Amino acid sequence: QVQLVESGGGLVQAGGSLRVSCAASGRTLENYIMGWFRQAPGKEREFVAAISRSGGNTNYADSVKGRFTISRDNAKNTVNLQMNSLKPEDTAVYYCAADRNVGRVTSRTGYEYDYWGQGTQVTVSS
């Protein structure tokens, strides 16, 4: 139904900034909750941020609150994650995900998402 492709990952120094983006094809994103998750080597996938269908509500993991900002542009069919004040512990593969459930506003739970991108690597050096 929808294909998600992440981009914008790379190598940055601690304290730096990076923006990762998610572009969708197949369907418009306006009817989907969008989320970002990440998975570091040897660790389980964790929730990062989510945004409601219209963009009016956001949800962040405590570890990134105040540093990361999720946004969406439904007209452009894109979702972004602006990452500031990056730390080495932010190093992970970042995944974009879409949740089509009409009963939710945002979701922090990975299994509730229906579509996933392939991920983009973010590496933060100390």
C-alpha atoms as a PDB file:
ATOM      1  CA  GLN A   1       0.000   0.000   0.000  1.00  0.00           C
ATOM      2  CA  VAL A   2       2.819   2.378   0.848  1.00  0.00           C
ATOM      3  CA  GLN A   3       6.570   2.264   0.440  1.00  0.00           C
ATOM      4  CA  LEU A   4       8.802   4.286   2.741  1.00  0.00           C
ATOM      5  CA  VAL A   5      12.355   5.308   1.936  1.00  0.00           C
ATOM      6  CA  GLU A   6      14.608   6.977   4.494  1.00  0.00           C
ATOM      7  CA  SER A   7      17.505   9.243   3.659  1.00  0.00           C
ATOM      8  CA  GLY A   8      19.829  11.739   5.286  1.00  0.00           C
ATOM      9  CA  GLY A   9      21.797   9.509   7.607  1.00  0.00           C
ATOM     10  CA  GLY A  10      25.511   9.902   8.040  1.00  0.00           C
ATOM     11  CA  LEU A  11      28.414  10.449  10.387  1.00  0.00           C
ATOM     12  CA  VAL A  12      28.418  13.438  12.725  1.00  0.00           C
ATOM     13  CA  GLN A  13      30.307  14.504  15.818  1.00  0.00           C
ATOM     14  CA  ALA A  14      28.679  14.604  19.218  1.00  0.00           C
ATOM     15  CA  GLY A  15      26.794  17.846  19.642  1.00  0.00           C
ATOM     16  CA  GLY A  16      26.090  18.125  15.957  1.00  0.00           C
ATOM     17  CA  SER A  17      22.843  17.977  14.038  1.00  0.00           C
ATOM     18  CA  LEU A  18      21.368  15.819  11.346  1.00  0.00           C
ATOM     19  CA  ARG A  19      18.039  15.572   9.582  1.00  0.00           C
ATOM     20  CA  VAL A  20      16.689  12.258   8.377  1.00  0.00           C
ATOM     21  CA  SER A  21      13.799  12.174   5.950  1.00  0.00           C
ATOM     22  CA  CYS A  22      11.183   9.676   4.884  1.00  0.00           C
ATOM     23  CA  ALA A  23       9.585   9.777   1.457  1.00  0.00           C
ATOM     24  CA  ALA A  24       6.464   7.774   0.711  1.00  0.00           C
ATOM     25  CA  SER A  25       5.136   6.303  -2.494  1.00  0.00           C
ATOM     26  CA  GLY A  26       2.072   4.246  -3.323  1.00  0.00           C
ATOM     27  CA  ARG A  27      -0.272   6.148  -1.015  1.00  0.00           C
ATOM     28  CA  THR A  28      -0.498   9.582   0.491  1.00  0.00           C
ATOM     29  CA  LEU A  29       0.531   9.732   4.136  1.00  0.00           C
ATOM     30  CA  GLU A  30      -2.264  11.936   5.412  1.00  0.00           C
ATOM     31  CA  ASN A  31      -4.260   8.986   6.761  1.00  0.00           C
ATOM     32  CA  TYR A  32      -1.313   7.424   8.584  1.00  0.00           C
ATOM     33  CA  ILE A  33       0.302   7.992  11.918  1.00  0.00           C
ATOM     34  CA  MET A  34       4.010   8.316  11.223  1.00  0.00           C
ATOM     35  CA  GLY A  35       6.776   7.268  13.541  1.00  0.00           C
ATOM     36  CA  TRP A  36      10.529   7.001  13.811  1.00  0.00           C
ATOM     37  CA  PHE A  37      12.229   4.082  15.500  1.00  0.00           C
ATOM     38  CA  ARG A  38      15.873   3.185  15.857  1.00  0.00           C
ATOM     39  CA  GLN A  39      17.949   0.117  16.507  1.00  0.00           C
ATOM     40  CA  ALA A  40      21.532   0.146  17.710  1.00  0.00           C
ATOM     41  CA  PRO A  41      23.873  -2.820  17.195  1.00  0.00           C
ATOM     42  CA  GLY A  42      23.123  -5.546  19.704  1.00  0.00           C
ATOM     43  CA  LYS A  43      20.076  -3.749  21.074  1.00  0.00           C
ATOM     44  CA  GLU A  44      16.354  -3.969  20.524  1.00  0.00           C
ATOM     45  CA  ARG A  45      14.406  -1.540  18.411  1.00  0.00           C
ATOM     46  CA  GLU A  46      13.189   1.483  20.337  1.00  0.00           C
ATOM     47  CA  PHE A  47      10.634   4.191  19.790  1.00  0.00           C
ATOM     48  CA  VAL A  48      11.937   7.653  18.959  1.00  0.00           C
ATOM     49  CA  ALA A  49       9.070   9.895  17.870  1.00  0.00           C
ATOM     50  CA  ALA A  50       5.600   9.867  16.344  1.00  0.00           C
ATOM     51  CA  ILE A  51       3.314  12.404  14.744  1.00  0.00           C
ATOM     52  CA  SER A  52      -0.435  12.395  14.208  1.00  0.00           C
ATOM     53  CA  ARG A  53      -2.120  12.390  10.830  1.00  0.00           C
ATOM     54  CA  SER A  54      -2.531  16.138  10.600  1.00  0.00           C
ATOM     55  CA  GLY A  55       0.678  16.889  12.456  1.00  0.00           C
ATOM     56  CA  GLY A  56      -1.092  18.451  15.419  1.00  0.00           C
ATOM     57  CA  ASN A  57       0.147  15.965  18.003  1.00  0.00           C
ATOM     58  CA  THR A  58       3.621  14.586  18.590  1.00  0.00           C
ATOM     59  CA  ASN A  59       5.116  12.050  20.943  1.00  0.00           C
ATOM     60  CA  TYR A  60       8.781  11.624  21.867  1.00  0.00           C
ATOM     61  CA  ALA A  61      10.868   9.163  23.768  1.00  0.00           C
ATOM     62  CA  ASP A  62      12.298  10.692  26.930  1.00  0.00           C
ATOM     63  CA  SER A  63      15.811  10.108  25.645  1.00  0.00           C
ATOM     64  CA  VAL A  64      15.313  12.466  22.693  1.00  0.00           C
ATOM     65  CA  LYS A  65      12.765  14.954  24.015  1.00  0.00           C
ATOM     66  CA  GLY A  66      14.025  18.491  23.618  1.00  0.00           C
ATOM     67  CA  ARG A  67      16.658  17.447  21.079  1.00  0.00           C
ATOM     68  CA  PHE A  68      14.683  15.816  18.268  1.00  0.00           C
ATOM     69  CA  THR A  69      11.737  17.221  16.334  1.00  0.00           C
ATOM     70  CA  ILE A  70       9.418  15.217  14.110  1.00  0.00           C
ATOM     71  CA  SER A  71       7.479  16.966  11.377  1.00  0.00           C
ATOM     72  CA  ARG A  72       5.426  16.057   8.357  1.00  0.00           C
ATOM     73  CA  ASP A  73       4.361  17.629   5.108  1.00  0.00           C
ATOM     74  CA  ASN A  74       1.379  15.714   3.793  1.00  0.00           C
ATOM     75  CA  ALA A  75       1.329  17.715   0.570  1.00  0.00           C
ATOM     76  CA  LYS A  76       4.866  16.538  -0.175  1.00  0.00           C
ATOM     77  CA  ASN A  77       4.279  13.079   1.298  1.00  0.00           C
ATOM     78  CA  THR A  78       7.304  13.366   3.549  1.00  0.00           C
ATOM     79  CA  VAL A  79       8.158  12.992   7.222  1.00  0.00           C
ATOM     80  CA  ASN A  80      11.292  14.383   8.806  1.00  0.00           C
ATOM     81  CA  LEU A  81      13.226  13.976  12.010  1.00  0.00           C
ATOM     82  CA  GLN A  82      15.480  16.861  12.961  1.00  0.00           C
ATOM     83  CA  MET A  83      18.122  15.671  15.401  1.00  0.00           C
ATOM     84  CA  ASN A  84      20.078  18.230  17.399  1.00  0.00           C
ATOM     85  CA  SER A  85      22.655  17.904  20.172  1.00  0.00           C
ATOM     86  CA  LEU A  86      23.438  14.404  19.028  1.00  0.00           C
ATOM     87  CA  LYS A  87      25.080  11.971  21.410  1.00  0.00           C
ATOM     88  CA  PRO A  88      27.071   8.799  20.705  1.00  0.00           C
ATOM     89  CA  GLU A  89      24.189   6.805  22.174  1.00  0.00           C
ATOM     90  CA  ASP A  90      22.002   8.093  19.341  1.00  0.00           C
ATOM     91  CA  THR A  91      24.010   5.931  16.952  1.00  0.00           C
ATOM     92  CA  ALA A  92      21.596   3.520  15.302  1.00  0.00           C
ATOM     93  CA  VAL A  93      19.750   2.645  12.159  1.00  0.00           C
ATOM     94  CA  TYR A  94      16.734   4.924  12.010  1.00  0.00           C
ATOM     95  CA  TYR A  95      13.506   3.560  10.572  1.00  0.00           C
ATOM     96  CA  CYS A  96      10.433   5.372   9.332  1.00  0.00           C
ATOM     97  CA  ALA A  97       7.101   3.642   9.931  1.00  0.00           C
ATOM     98  CA  ALA A  98       3.438   4.192   9.083  1.00  0.00           C
ATOM     99  CA  ASP A  99       0.405   3.156  11.154  1.00  0.00           C
ATOM    100  CA  ARG A 100      -2.920   3.001   9.312  1.00  0.00           C
ATOM    101  CA  ASN A 101      -5.126   2.380  12.359  1.00  0.00           C
ATOM    102  CA  VAL A 102      -7.875   4.999  12.467  1.00  0.00           C
ATOM    103  CA  GLY A 103      -8.415   4.658  16.231  1.00  0.00           C
ATOM    104  CA  ARG A 104      -5.067   6.054  17.304  1.00  0.00           C
ATOM    105  CA  VAL A 105      -3.598   9.540  17.429  1.00  0.00           C
ATOM    106  CA  THR A 106       0.034   8.511  17.870  1.00  0.00           C
ATOM    107  CA  SER A 107       1.681   5.219  18.718  1.00  0.00           C
ATOM    108  CA  ARG A 108       4.876   4.339  20.577  1.00  0.00           C
ATOM    109  CA  THR A 109       4.545   0.626  19.900  1.00  0.00           C
ATOM    110  CA  GLY A 110       6.416  -0.828  16.965  1.00  0.00           C
ATOM    111  CA  TYR A 111       4.097  -3.742  16.278  1.00  0.00           C
ATOM    112  CA  GLU A 112       1.200  -1.347  15.732  1.00  0.00           C
ATOM    113  CA  TYR A 113       2.879   0.067  12.636  1.00  0.00           C
ATOM    114  CA  ASP A 114       2.018  -1.500   9.312  1.00  0.00           C
ATOM    115  CA  TYR A 115       4.749  -0.294   6.968  1.00  0.00           C
ATOM    116  CA  TRP A 116       8.459   0.190   7.463  1.00  0.00           C
ATOM    117  CA  GLY A 117      11.319   1.661   5.529  1.00  0.00           C
ATOM    118  CA  GLN A 118      14.702   0.010   5.128  1.00  0.00           C
ATOM    119  CA  GLY A 119      16.414   2.396   7.508  1.00  0.00           C
ATOM    120  CA  THR A 120      19.217   4.917   7.350  1.00  0.00           C
ATOM    121  CA  GLN A 121      22.394   4.744   9.425  1.00  0.00           C
ATOM    122  CA  VAL A 122      23.178   7.543  11.854  1.00  0.00           C
ATOM    123  CA  THR A 123      26.573   7.422  13.517  1.00  0.00           C
ATOM    124  CA  VAL A 124      27.599   9.917  16.185  1.00  0.00           C
ATOM    125  CA  SER A 125      31.270  10.030  17.099  1.00  0.00           C
ATOM    126  CA  SER A 126      32.643  11.247  20.409  1.00  0.00           C
END
